[in-house]
C-alpha atoms as a PDB file:
ATOM      1  CA  MET A   1      -0.284   0.205  -0.235  1.00  0.00           C
ATOM      2  CA  THR A   2       1.223   3.463  -0.775  1.00  0.00           C
ATOM      3  CA  TYR A   3       0.200   6.659   1.036  1.00  0.00           C
ATOM      4  CA  TRP A   4       0.466  10.009  -1.019  1.00  0.00           C
ATOM      5  CA  PHE A   5      -0.306  13.151   1.040  1.00  0.00           C
ATOM      6  CA  LYS A   6       0.727  16.648   0.158  1.00  0.00           C
ATOM      7  CA  MET A   7       2.221  19.578   2.733  1.00  0.00           C
ATOM      8  CA  GLU A   8       2.340  22.705   1.867  1.00  0.00           C
ATOM      9  CA  TRP A   9       3.976  25.481   3.658  1.00  0.00           C
ATOM     10  CA  LEU A  10       3.613  29.481   3.100  1.00  0.00           C
ATOM     11  CA  ILE A  11       6.731  31.105   5.099  1.00  0.00           C
ATOM     12  CA  LEU A  12       6.496  34.499   5.620  1.00  0.00           C
ATOM     13  CA  GLY A  13       8.596  37.236   7.221  1.00  0.00           C
ATOM     14  CA  GLU A  14      10.414  40.649   6.761  1.00  0.00           C
ATOM     15  CA  SER A  15      13.635  41.040   4.764  1.00  0.00           C
ATOM     16  CA  GLY A  16      16.536  39.454   6.765  1.00  0.00           C
ATOM     17  CA  MET A  17      14.483  37.281   8.920  1.00  0.00           C
ATOM     18  CA  GLY A  18      16.336  33.971   7.623  1.00  0.00           C
ATOM     19  CA  LYS A  19      13.541  32.969   4.956  1.00  0.00           C
ATOM     20  CA  TYR A  20      16.000  32.243   2.616  1.00  0.00           C
ATOM     21  CA  THR A  21      18.766  30.533   5.021  1.00  0.00           C
ATOM     22  CA  PHE A  22      15.566  28.225   6.614  1.00  0.00           C
ATOM     23  CA  LEU A  23      14.909  26.598   2.992  1.00  0.00           C
ATOM     24  CA  HIS A  24      18.196  26.160   2.089  1.00  0.00           C
ATOM     25  CA  LEU A  25      18.842  24.119   5.349  1.00  0.00           C
ATOM     26  CA  ILE A  26      15.835  21.958   5.122  1.00  0.00           C
ATOM     27  CA  ALA A  27      16.835  21.128   1.283  1.00  0.00           C
ATOM     28  CA  GLY A  28      20.073  20.491   2.330  1.00  0.00           C
ATOM     29  CA  LEU A  29      21.834  23.172  -0.048  1.00  0.00           C
ATOM     30  CA  MET A  30      23.459  24.737   3.021  1.00  0.00           C
ATOM     31  CA  LYS A  31      24.773  22.968   6.390  1.00  0.00           C
ATOM     32  CA  SER A  32      23.957  24.174   9.611  1.00  0.00           C
ATOM     33  CA  LYS A  33      26.880  26.137  11.407  1.00  0.00           C
ATOM     34  CA  THR A  34      25.571  24.277  14.755  1.00  0.00           C
ATOM     35  CA  GLY A  35      23.184  21.911  15.808  1.00  0.00           C
ATOM     36  CA  ASN A  36      20.972  19.342  13.668  1.00  0.00           C
ATOM     37  CA  VAL A  37      18.412  19.317  10.724  1.00  0.00           C
ATOM     38  CA  GLU A  38      16.090  16.564  10.716  1.00  0.00           C
ATOM     39  CA  ILE A  39      13.180  15.928   8.465  1.00  0.00           C
ATOM     40  CA  TRP A  40      10.608  12.991   8.907  1.00  0.00           C
ATOM     41  CA  LYS A  41      13.279  11.724  11.685  1.00  0.00           C
ATOM     42  CA  SER A  42      16.076  11.497   9.318  1.00  0.00           C
ATOM     43  CA  GLY A  43      18.883  13.821  10.484  1.00  0.00           C
ATOM     44  CA  ILE A  44      19.817  15.205   6.610  1.00  0.00           C
ATOM     45  CA  THR A  45      22.820  17.573   8.854  1.00  0.00           C
ATOM     46  CA  MET A  46      24.814  14.000   8.186  1.00  0.00           C
ATOM     47  CA  LEU A  47      23.652  13.026   4.659  1.00  0.00           C
ATOM     48  CA  VAL A  48      26.282  13.913   1.759  1.00  0.00           C
ATOM     49  CA  GLY A  49      26.696  13.015  -1.844  1.00  0.00           C
ATOM     50  CA  LYS A  50      24.116  10.801  -2.960  1.00  0.00           C
ATOM     51  CA  LYS A  51      22.071  10.107  -0.434  1.00  0.00           C
ATOM     52  CA  LEU A  52      21.711  13.825   0.151  1.00  0.00           C
ATOM     53  CA  ASP A  53      20.551  14.097  -3.364  1.00  0.00           C
ATOM     54  CA  VAL A  54      17.998  11.046  -2.937  1.00  0.00           C
ATOM     55  CA  PHE A  55      16.579  12.424   0.145  1.00  0.00           C
ATOM     56  CA  SER A  56      15.928  15.984  -1.240  1.00  0.00           C
ATOM     57  CA  GLU A  57      14.430  14.861  -4.228  1.00  0.00           C
ATOM     58  CA  SER A  58      11.760  12.565  -2.244  1.00  0.00           C
ATOM     59  CA  ASN A  59      11.011  15.144   0.503  1.00  0.00           C
ATOM     60  CA  VAL A  60      11.718  18.721  -0.483  1.00  0.00           C
ATOM     61  CA  GLY A  61      10.501  20.871  -3.207  1.00  0.00           C
ATOM     62  CA  ILE A  62      10.940  24.628  -3.107  1.00  0.00           C
ATOM     63  CA  THR A  63       8.921  26.684  -5.842  1.00  0.00           C
ATOM     64  CA  LYS A  64       8.511  30.543  -6.273  1.00  0.00           C
END
């Protein structure tokens, strides 16, 4: 059995509040200097290379 569900988030804030940084952190495009980033109980901070690519393709999408 396969379940598909969709969550969409709207991130609002003033300029300089960290929206761009947040999106890049959860997409794995940027590494956190301190702490960990976890999505679906997966620590993406430690993923590198192909594993990070596969995770991002399956779990994260950024649109304009």
